[in-house]
Every structure is written in structure tokens, then in C-alpha cells.
C-alpha atoms as a PDB file:
ATOM      1  CA  MET A   1       1.063  15.392 -26.420  1.00  0.00           C
ATOM      2  CA  ASN A   2      -1.627  15.238 -23.820  1.00  0.00           C
ATOM      3  CA  LYS A   3      -1.615  13.122 -20.687  1.00  0.00           C
ATOM      4  CA  LYS A   4      -3.748  10.310 -22.101  1.00  0.00           C
ATOM      5  CA  SER A   5      -1.582   9.770 -25.184  1.00  0.00           C
ATOM      6  CA  LYS A   6       1.606   9.803 -23.072  1.00  0.00           C
ATOM      7  CA  LEU A   7       0.155   7.118 -20.809  1.00  0.00           C
ATOM      8  CA  GLY A   8      -0.878   5.057 -23.841  1.00  0.00           C
ATOM      9  CA  LEU A   9       2.620   5.270 -25.273  1.00  0.00           C
ATOM     10  CA  CYS A  10       4.095   4.294 -21.891  1.00  0.00           C
ATOM     11  CA  PHE A  11       1.767   1.286 -21.801  1.00  0.00           C
ATOM     12  CA  ILE A  12       3.012   0.099 -25.198  1.00  0.00           C
ATOM     13  CA  VAL A  13       6.659   0.624 -24.219  1.00  0.00           C
ATOM     14  CA  GLY A  14       6.016  -1.267 -20.963  1.00  0.00           C
ATOM     15  CA  ILE A  15       4.571  -4.247 -22.832  1.00  0.00           C
ATOM     16  CA  VAL A  16       7.597  -4.289 -25.159  1.00  0.00           C
ATOM     17  CA  LEU A  17      10.005  -4.150 -22.199  1.00  0.00           C
ATOM     18  CA  ILE A  18       8.178  -6.955 -20.387  1.00  0.00           C
ATOM     19  CA  SER A  19       8.285  -9.078 -23.554  1.00  0.00           C
ATOM     20  CA  ALA A  20      12.010  -8.413 -23.954  1.00  0.00           C
ATOM     21  CA  MET A  21      12.657  -9.338 -20.322  1.00  0.00           C
ATOM     22  CA  ALA A  22      10.648 -12.558 -20.702  1.00  0.00           C
ATOM     23  CA  TYR A  23      12.644 -13.502 -23.812  1.00  0.00           C
ATOM     24  CA  LEU A  24      15.939 -12.763 -22.089  1.00  0.00           C
ATOM     25  CA  LEU A  25      14.890 -14.746 -19.039  1.00  0.00           C
ATOM     26  CA  PHE A  26      13.531 -17.833 -20.791  1.00  0.00           C
ATOM     27  CA  GLY A  27      14.780 -17.892 -24.381  1.00  0.00           C
ATOM     28  CA  ALA A  28      18.267 -16.436 -24.616  1.00  0.00           C
ATOM     29  CA  GLN A  29      21.174 -18.821 -25.103  1.00  0.00           C
ATOM     30  CA  GLU A  30      24.173 -16.977 -23.648  1.00  0.00           C
ATOM     31  CA  SER A  31      23.530 -16.455 -19.957  1.00  0.00           C
ATOM     32  CA  GLY A  32      26.188 -13.776 -19.396  1.00  0.00           C
ATOM     33  CA  LYS A  33      24.945 -11.445 -22.100  1.00  0.00           C
ATOM     34  CA  SER A  34      21.300 -12.119 -21.330  1.00  0.00           C
ATOM     35  CA  LEU A  35      21.765 -11.337 -17.637  1.00  0.00           C
ATOM     36  CA  GLY A  36      23.361  -7.989 -18.437  1.00  0.00           C
ATOM     37  CA  SER A  37      20.644  -7.184 -20.958  1.00  0.00           C
ATOM     38  CA  LEU A  38      17.998  -8.248 -18.451  1.00  0.00           C
ATOM     39  CA  LEU A  39      19.415  -5.833 -15.880  1.00  0.00           C
ATOM     40  CA  ILE A  40      19.400  -3.014 -18.440  1.00  0.00           C
ATOM     41  CA  CYS A  41      15.782  -3.789 -19.415  1.00  0.00           C
ATOM     42  CA  GLY A  42      14.810  -3.874 -15.740  1.00  0.00           C
ATOM     43  CA  ALA A  43      16.416  -0.486 -15.159  1.00  0.00           C
ATOM     44  CA  CYS A  44      14.577   0.946 -18.177  1.00  0.00           C
ATOM     45  CA  PHE A  45      11.319  -0.503 -16.860  1.00  0.00           C
ATOM     46  CA  LEU A  46      11.851   1.119 -13.458  1.00  0.00           C
ATOM     47  CA  ALA A  47      12.610   4.440 -15.150  1.00  0.00           C
ATOM     48  CA  LEU A  48       9.404   4.041 -17.158  1.00  0.00           C
ATOM     49  CA  LEU A  49       7.418   3.436 -13.963  1.00  0.00           C
ATOM     50  CA  ALA A  50       8.900   6.584 -12.433  1.00  0.00           C
ATOM     51  CA  TYR A  51       7.944   8.547 -15.565  1.00  0.00           C
ATOM     52  CA  ILE A  52       4.378   7.188 -15.429  1.00  0.00           C
ATOM     53  CA  ASN A  53       4.139   8.212 -11.781  1.00  0.00           C
ATOM     54  CA  LYS A  54       5.363  11.703 -12.720  1.00  0.00           C
ATOM     55  CA  ILE A  55       2.767  11.980 -15.498  1.00  0.00           C
ATOM     56  CA  LYS A  56      -0.061  10.831 -13.229  1.00  0.00           C
ATOM     57  CA  ASN A  57       0.838  13.433 -10.599  1.00  0.00           C
ATOM     58  CA  LEU A  58       0.665  16.342 -13.070  1.00  0.00           C
END
């Protein structure tokens, strides 16, 4: 995969993660489970940002 397609895939994954975090923040019913899932999604999003930064610096 070239750099442009990797960045496009990261963009799509980022949109999905942001949508999941918005659902967990505003739509989930059980607050304990949703908070844990929100933290996991946030950690995945930060890892994705680090990966994007790594790709851009290549």
C-alpha cells in the first residue's frame, strides 16, 4: 500500500472511531460499560493519530 491509500484508510477508521465515541458518550444506556468502552476507543484513536504522524513523516 502506498502512503496515500494508508492515509485514506486511516481517515475512514478515524471517522468510525469518532462515531463510536459519540454514540458511547450520548446514546449508550449503561454508564459503566460505556465509560470503559469510551476510554478504549479514545486510546485507539490516539494510537491512530500516532500512526498517521508516523506515515506522514516517512
